[in-house]
């Protein structure tokens, strides 16, 4: 488990000059403490931090005592046999197949992997953790809430910066599209280790 734990714990933020702007090309503004999504993400970010500590605890035990960590490690190790877009495609497809879609609440990645069910939020949080475990910088992984006009509903995806482009990991498809190619998404809010931001309306 050493490789996985190091990837989760050691990958550091990039410099300010190397941090890419938020995906989908729109300007974003920081959400304040009064915003509902701000509180949700603060709570969820705390869960991610606690789950990171659980990864390290599991290093000292057998895989059978932490099956959810072993499951994530297996996905990450298999994905790392590929490079670039293919690596992310493997993460996206593997987690899409692992989780059964049911209505769910906001929860941490280890609970998602333990229960193996949930809605788009669960898929996205699991992929967020998997991308970080695969060694992507925290500056290069974002969770994004979008509106889908064709379905008249809000939706959550994970977006990862790879080769100077943002690629979307979505439970609705195993295909990876760039943010610039996905015109059917109207971005609403974006999350990462720095906090939560809302997108300015398009005109």
C-alpha atoms as a PDB file:
ATOM      1  CA  UNK A   1       0.000   0.000   0.000  1.00  0.00           C
ATOM      2  CA  UNK A   2       3.013   2.290   0.139  1.00  0.00           C
ATOM      3  CA  UNK A   3       2.601   3.637  -3.398  1.00  0.00           C
ATOM      4  CA  UNK A   4      -1.025   4.588  -2.853  1.00  0.00           C
ATOM      5  CA  UNK A   5      -0.474   6.167   0.536  1.00  0.00           C
ATOM      6  CA  UNK A   6       2.429   8.246  -0.712  1.00  0.00           C
ATOM      7  CA  UNK A   7       0.418   9.427  -3.679  1.00  0.00           C
ATOM      8  CA  UNK A   8      -2.458  10.468  -1.462  1.00  0.00           C
ATOM      9  CA  UNK A   9      -0.316  12.127   1.155  1.00  0.00           C
ATOM     10  CA  UNK A  10       2.660  13.645  -0.612  1.00  0.00           C
ATOM     11  CA  UNK A  11       1.496  15.152  -3.926  1.00  0.00           C
ATOM     12  CA  UNK A  12       1.769  18.872  -3.298  1.00  0.00           C
ATOM     13  CA  UNK A  13       0.125  21.930  -4.829  1.00  0.00           C
ATOM     14  CA  UNK A  14       1.749  23.463  -7.867  1.00  0.00           C
ATOM     15  CA  UNK A  15       3.112  26.990  -7.839  1.00  0.00           C
ATOM     16  CA  UNK A  16       0.659  29.859  -8.329  1.00  0.00           C
ATOM     17  CA  UNK A  17       1.934  30.372 -11.876  1.00  0.00           C
ATOM     18  CA  UNK A  18       1.291  26.731 -12.785  1.00  0.00           C
ATOM     19  CA  UNK A  19      -2.187  26.484 -11.255  1.00  0.00           C
ATOM     20  CA  UNK A  20      -4.693  26.364 -14.136  1.00  0.00           C
ATOM     21  CA  UNK A  21      -7.832  28.452 -14.144  1.00  0.00           C
ATOM     22  CA  UNK A  22     -11.092  26.722 -13.324  1.00  0.00           C
ATOM     23  CA  UNK A  23     -12.544  24.546 -16.119  1.00  0.00           C
ATOM     24  CA  UNK A  24     -15.320  25.527 -18.526  1.00  0.00           C
ATOM     25  CA  UNK A  25     -13.724  28.877 -19.311  1.00  0.00           C
ATOM     26  CA  UNK A  26     -15.950  31.041 -17.136  1.00  0.00           C
ATOM     27  CA  UNK A  27     -14.768  33.316 -14.363  1.00  0.00           C
ATOM     28  CA  UNK A  28     -15.502  32.094 -10.850  1.00  0.00           C
ATOM     29  CA  UNK A  29     -15.907  33.901  -7.538  1.00  0.00           C
ATOM     30  CA  UNK A  30     -15.292  32.555  -4.046  1.00  0.00           C
ATOM     31  CA  UNK A  31     -18.356  31.378  -2.148  1.00  0.00           C
ATOM     32  CA  UNK A  32     -18.758  32.833   1.326  1.00  0.00           C
ATOM     33  CA  UNK A  33     -19.765  31.162   4.555  1.00  0.00           C
ATOM     34  CA  UNK A  34     -23.408  32.102   3.981  1.00  0.00           C
ATOM     35  CA  UNK A  35     -23.668  29.944   0.837  1.00  0.00           C
ATOM     36  CA  UNK A  36     -25.109  26.450   1.293  1.00  0.00           C
ATOM     37  CA  UNK A  37     -22.546  24.886  -1.027  1.00  0.00           C
ATOM     38  CA  UNK A  38     -19.719  26.487   0.949  1.00  0.00           C
ATOM     39  CA  UNK A  39     -20.825  24.645   4.089  1.00  0.00           C
ATOM     40  CA  UNK A  40     -21.323  21.370   2.211  1.00  0.00           C
ATOM     41  CA  UNK A  41     -17.828  21.476   0.732  1.00  0.00           C
ATOM     42  CA  UNK A  42     -16.191  22.459   4.033  1.00  0.00           C
ATOM     43  CA  UNK A  43     -17.793  19.408   5.650  1.00  0.00           C
ATOM     44  CA  UNK A  44     -16.877  17.155   2.740  1.00  0.00           C
ATOM     45  CA  UNK A  45     -13.297  18.418   2.658  1.00  0.00           C
ATOM     46  CA  UNK A  46     -12.996  17.491   6.346  1.00  0.00           C
ATOM     47  CA  UNK A  47     -14.201  13.979   5.478  1.00  0.00           C
ATOM     48  CA  UNK A  48     -11.572  13.707   2.743  1.00  0.00           C
ATOM     49  CA  UNK A  49      -8.877  14.691   5.258  1.00  0.00           C
ATOM     50  CA  UNK A  50     -10.123  12.072   7.734  1.00  0.00           C
ATOM     51  CA  UNK A  51     -10.181   9.474   4.980  1.00  0.00           C
ATOM     52  CA  UNK A  52      -6.573  10.337   4.130  1.00  0.00           C
ATOM     53  CA  UNK A  53      -5.623   9.492   7.718  1.00  0.00           C
ATOM     54  CA  UNK A  54      -7.465   6.186   7.289  1.00  0.00           C
ATOM     55  CA  UNK A  55      -5.324   5.402   4.248  1.00  0.00           C
ATOM     56  CA  UNK A  56      -2.196   5.698   6.394  1.00  0.00           C
ATOM     57  CA  UNK A  57      -3.691   3.576   9.164  1.00  0.00           C
ATOM     58  CA  UNK A  58      -4.446   0.869   6.622  1.00  0.00           C
ATOM     59  CA  UNK A  59      -0.797   0.827   5.542  1.00  0.00           C
ATOM     60  CA  UNK A  60       0.009  -0.960   8.785  1.00  0.00           C
ATOM     61  CA  UNK A  61      -2.678  -3.602   8.375  1.00  0.00           C
ATOM     62  CA  UNK A  62      -3.594  -6.281   5.866  1.00  0.00           C
ATOM     63  CA  UNK A  63      -5.694  -5.526   2.791  1.00  0.00           C
ATOM     64  CA  UNK A  64      -8.543  -7.613   4.230  1.00  0.00           C
ATOM     65  CA  UNK A  65      -8.980  -5.168   7.112  1.00  0.00           C
ATOM     66  CA  UNK A  66      -9.450  -2.211   4.731  1.00  0.00           C
ATOM     67  CA  UNK A  67     -11.172  -3.607   1.631  1.00  0.00           C
ATOM     68  CA  UNK A  68     -12.289  -0.168   0.425  1.00  0.00           C
ATOM     69  CA  UNK A  69      -8.678   1.076   0.411  1.00  0.00           C
ATOM     70  CA  UNK A  70      -7.549  -2.095  -1.342  1.00  0.00           C
ATOM     71  CA  UNK A  71     -10.277  -1.582  -3.958  1.00  0.00           C
ATOM     72  CA  UNK A  72      -9.134   1.962  -4.674  1.00  0.00           C
ATOM     73  CA  UNK A  73      -5.487   0.891  -4.762  1.00  0.00           C
ATOM     74  CA  UNK A  74      -6.302  -1.832  -7.301  1.00  0.00           C
ATOM     75  CA  UNK A  75      -8.060   0.664  -9.581  1.00  0.00           C
ATOM     76  CA  UNK A  76      -5.212   3.161  -9.301  1.00  0.00           C
ATOM     77  CA  UNK A  77      -2.493   0.573  -9.911  1.00  0.00           C
ATOM     78  CA  UNK A  78      -4.305  -0.764 -12.966  1.00  0.00           C
ATOM     79  CA  UNK A  79      -4.809   2.772 -14.276  1.00  0.00           C
ATOM     80  CA  UNK A  80      -1.123   3.565 -13.820  1.00  0.00           C
ATOM     81  CA  UNK A  81      -0.294   0.943 -16.409  1.00  0.00           C
ATOM     82  CA  UNK A  82      -1.583   3.544 -18.872  1.00  0.00           C
ATOM     83  CA  UNK A  83      -0.580   7.145 -19.464  1.00  0.00           C
ATOM     84  CA  UNK A  84      -2.309  10.462 -20.027  1.00  0.00           C
ATOM     85  CA  UNK A  85      -5.925  10.331 -21.146  1.00  0.00           C
ATOM     86  CA  UNK A  86      -5.962   6.517 -21.061  1.00  0.00           C
ATOM     87  CA  UNK A  87      -5.098   6.560 -17.341  1.00  0.00           C
ATOM     88  CA  UNK A  88      -8.019   8.861 -16.573  1.00  0.00           C
ATOM     89  CA  UNK A  89     -10.278   6.844 -18.828  1.00  0.00           C
ATOM     90  CA  UNK A  90      -9.477   3.733 -16.806  1.00  0.00           C
ATOM     91  CA  UNK A  91     -10.245   5.512 -13.521  1.00  0.00           C
ATOM     92  CA  UNK A  92     -13.520   6.833 -14.899  1.00  0.00           C
ATOM     93  CA  UNK A  93     -14.716   3.516 -16.308  1.00  0.00           C
ATOM     94  CA  UNK A  94     -13.622   1.424 -13.298  1.00  0.00           C
ATOM     95  CA  UNK A  95     -15.467   3.604 -10.804  1.00  0.00           C
ATOM     96  CA  UNK A  96     -18.525   3.834 -13.055  1.00  0.00           C
ATOM     97  CA  UNK A  97     -18.665   0.023 -13.024  1.00  0.00           C
ATOM     98  CA  UNK A  98     -17.921  -0.300  -9.300  1.00  0.00           C
ATOM     99  CA  UNK A  99     -20.697   1.951  -7.985  1.00  0.00           C
ATOM    100  CA  UNK A 100     -24.405   1.213  -8.331  1.00  0.00           C
ATOM    101  CA  UNK A 101     -26.508   4.295  -8.962  1.00  0.00           C
ATOM    102  CA  UNK A 102     -28.988   5.056  -6.179  1.00  0.00           C
ATOM    103  CA  UNK A 103     -30.062   8.400  -4.692  1.00  0.00           C
ATOM    104  CA  UNK A 104     -27.426   9.388  -2.157  1.00  0.00           C
ATOM    105  CA  UNK A 105     -26.133  12.051   0.198  1.00  0.00           C
ATOM    106  CA  UNK A 106     -22.800  13.884   0.433  1.00  0.00           C
ATOM    107  CA  UNK A 107     -20.233  11.504   1.889  1.00  0.00           C
ATOM    108  CA  UNK A 108     -16.496  10.854   1.952  1.00  0.00           C
ATOM    109  CA  UNK A 109     -14.694   8.685  -0.631  1.00  0.00           C
ATOM    110  CA  UNK A 110     -14.026   5.695   1.636  1.00  0.00           C
ATOM    111  CA  UNK A 111     -17.695   5.422   2.561  1.00  0.00           C
ATOM    112  CA  UNK A 112     -18.587   5.507  -1.140  1.00  0.00           C
ATOM    113  CA  UNK A 113     -16.132   2.678  -1.828  1.00  0.00           C
ATOM    114  CA  UNK A 114     -17.403   0.730   1.170  1.00  0.00           C
ATOM    115  CA  UNK A 115     -21.095   1.033   0.231  1.00  0.00           C
ATOM    116  CA  UNK A 116     -20.474   0.911  -3.544  1.00  0.00           C
ATOM    117  CA  UNK A 117     -23.623   2.862  -4.279  1.00  0.00           C
ATOM    118  CA  UNK A 118     -24.689   6.472  -4.586  1.00  0.00           C
ATOM    119  CA  UNK A 119     -25.550   9.148  -7.102  1.00  0.00           C
ATOM    120  CA  UNK A 120     -23.398  11.500  -9.186  1.00  0.00           C
ATOM    121  CA  UNK A 121     -21.950  13.075  -6.030  1.00  0.00           C
ATOM    122  CA  UNK A 122     -20.630   9.708  -4.871  1.00  0.00           C
ATOM    123  CA  UNK A 123     -19.096   8.870  -8.239  1.00  0.00           C
ATOM    124  CA  UNK A 124     -17.462  12.285  -8.377  1.00  0.00           C
ATOM    125  CA  UNK A 125     -16.011  12.141  -4.865  1.00  0.00           C
ATOM    126  CA  UNK A 126     -14.596   8.654  -5.488  1.00  0.00           C
ATOM    127  CA  UNK A 127     -12.990   9.847  -8.734  1.00  0.00           C
ATOM    128  CA  UNK A 128     -11.617  12.941  -6.997  1.00  0.00           C
ATOM    129  CA  UNK A 129      -9.877  10.682  -4.457  1.00  0.00           C
ATOM    130  CA  UNK A 130      -8.712   8.265  -7.160  1.00  0.00           C
ATOM    131  CA  UNK A 131      -7.150  11.048  -9.249  1.00  0.00           C
ATOM    132  CA  UNK A 132      -5.317  12.366  -6.205  1.00  0.00           C
ATOM    133  CA  UNK A 133      -4.178   8.842  -5.304  1.00  0.00           C
ATOM    134  CA  UNK A 134      -2.900   8.424  -8.863  1.00  0.00           C
ATOM    135  CA  UNK A 135      -0.550  11.350  -8.243  1.00  0.00           C
ATOM    136  CA  UNK A 136      -2.358  14.300  -9.818  1.00  0.00           C
ATOM    137  CA  UNK A 137      -1.619  17.606  -8.109  1.00  0.00           C
ATOM    138  CA  UNK A 138      -4.435  18.996  -5.934  1.00  0.00           C
ATOM    139  CA  UNK A 139      -4.348  22.041  -8.234  1.00  0.00           C
ATOM    140  CA  UNK A 140      -5.255  19.792 -11.161  1.00  0.00           C
ATOM    141  CA  UNK A 141      -8.357  18.076  -9.729  1.00  0.00           C
ATOM    142  CA  UNK A 142     -11.735  19.778  -9.322  1.00  0.00           C
ATOM    143  CA  UNK A 143     -15.279  18.736  -8.551  1.00  0.00           C
ATOM    144  CA  UNK A 144     -17.814  20.668 -10.623  1.00  0.00           C
ATOM    145  CA  UNK A 145     -21.589  20.981 -10.297  1.00  0.00           C
ATOM    146  CA  UNK A 146     -23.250  21.568 -13.649  1.00  0.00           C
ATOM    147  CA  UNK A 147     -26.806  21.964 -14.907  1.00  0.00           C
ATOM    148  CA  UNK A 148     -27.980  19.635 -17.676  1.00  0.00           C
ATOM    149  CA  UNK A 149     -30.676  21.503 -19.643  1.00  0.00           C
ATOM    150  CA  UNK A 150     -31.628  18.410 -21.679  1.00  0.00           C
ATOM    151  CA  UNK A 151     -32.461  16.554 -18.449  1.00  0.00           C
ATOM    152  CA  UNK A 152     -33.486  19.656 -16.483  1.00  0.00           C
ATOM    153  CA  UNK A 153     -31.382  18.629 -13.510  1.00  0.00           C
ATOM    154  CA  UNK A 154     -28.140  19.445 -11.725  1.00  0.00           C
ATOM    155  CA  UNK A 155     -25.256  17.009 -11.910  1.00  0.00           C
ATOM    156  CA  UNK A 156     -21.721  16.605 -10.483  1.00  0.00           C
ATOM    157  CA  UNK A 157     -18.560  15.532 -12.291  1.00  0.00           C
ATOM    158  CA  UNK A 158     -14.839  15.371 -11.584  1.00  0.00           C
ATOM    159  CA  UNK A 159     -12.548  17.336 -13.905  1.00  0.00           C
ATOM    160  CA  UNK A 160      -8.795  16.661 -14.147  1.00  0.00           C
ATOM    161  CA  UNK A 161      -6.129  18.807 -15.830  1.00  0.00           C
ATOM    162  CA  UNK A 162      -4.036  16.662 -18.174  1.00  0.00           C
ATOM    163  CA  UNK A 163      -1.749  17.844 -21.008  1.00  0.00           C
ATOM    164  CA  UNK A 164      -2.948  21.456 -20.746  1.00  0.00           C
ATOM    165  CA  UNK A 165      -6.644  20.583 -20.955  1.00  0.00           C
ATOM    166  CA  UNK A 166      -9.464  19.786 -18.561  1.00  0.00           C
ATOM    167  CA  UNK A 167     -10.943  16.286 -19.012  1.00  0.00           C
ATOM    168  CA  UNK A 168     -14.362  15.395 -17.592  1.00  0.00           C
ATOM    169  CA  UNK A 169     -14.890  12.171 -15.616  1.00  0.00           C
ATOM    170  CA  UNK A 170     -18.647  11.568 -15.669  1.00  0.00           C
ATOM    171  CA  UNK A 171     -20.777   8.674 -14.429  1.00  0.00           C
ATOM    172  CA  UNK A 172     -23.153   9.196 -17.386  1.00  0.00           C
ATOM    173  CA  UNK A 173     -20.510   8.081 -19.892  1.00  0.00           C
ATOM    174  CA  UNK A 174     -17.222   6.201 -20.093  1.00  0.00           C
ATOM    175  CA  UNK A 175     -15.984   8.649 -22.727  1.00  0.00           C
ATOM    176  CA  UNK A 176     -13.725  11.511 -21.677  1.00  0.00           C
ATOM    177  CA  UNK A 177     -14.499  14.908 -23.156  1.00  0.00           C
ATOM    178  CA  UNK A 178     -12.691  18.204 -22.762  1.00  0.00           C
ATOM    179  CA  UNK A 179     -14.576  20.954 -20.980  1.00  0.00           C
ATOM    180  CA  UNK A 180     -14.467  23.011 -24.195  1.00  0.00           C
ATOM    181  CA  UNK A 181     -16.234  20.163 -26.055  1.00  0.00           C
ATOM    182  CA  UNK A 182     -19.071  19.688 -23.609  1.00  0.00           C
ATOM    183  CA  UNK A 183     -21.604  22.327 -24.576  1.00  0.00           C
ATOM    184  CA  UNK A 184     -24.421  20.497 -22.822  1.00  0.00           C
ATOM    185  CA  UNK A 185     -23.111  21.420 -19.369  1.00  0.00           C
ATOM    186  CA  UNK A 186     -23.878  24.755 -17.701  1.00  0.00           C
ATOM    187  CA  UNK A 187     -21.299  25.058 -14.871  1.00  0.00           C
ATOM    188  CA  UNK A 188     -22.672  26.257 -11.536  1.00  0.00           C
ATOM    189  CA  UNK A 189     -19.974  25.684  -8.886  1.00  0.00           C
ATOM    190  CA  UNK A 190     -16.483  24.240  -8.565  1.00  0.00           C
ATOM    191  CA  UNK A 191     -14.666  22.707  -5.580  1.00  0.00           C
ATOM    192  CA  UNK A 192     -11.064  21.875  -4.740  1.00  0.00           C
ATOM    193  CA  UNK A 193      -8.682  21.949  -1.794  1.00  0.00           C
ATOM    194  CA  UNK A 194      -8.707  25.760  -1.837  1.00  0.00           C
ATOM    195  CA  UNK A 195     -12.466  25.984  -1.340  1.00  0.00           C
ATOM    196  CA  UNK A 196     -15.714  26.446  -3.255  1.00  0.00           C
ATOM    197  CA  UNK A 197     -16.426  28.934  -6.039  1.00  0.00           C
ATOM    198  CA  UNK A 198     -19.482  29.781  -8.102  1.00  0.00           C
ATOM    199  CA  UNK A 199     -19.496  30.484 -11.808  1.00  0.00           C
ATOM    200  CA  UNK A 200     -20.564  33.877 -13.058  1.00  0.00           C
ATOM    201  CA  UNK A 201     -23.633  33.776 -15.346  1.00  0.00           C
ATOM    202  CA  UNK A 202     -23.002  33.502 -19.058  1.00  0.00           C
ATOM    203  CA  UNK A 203     -24.259  36.309 -21.243  1.00  0.00           C
END
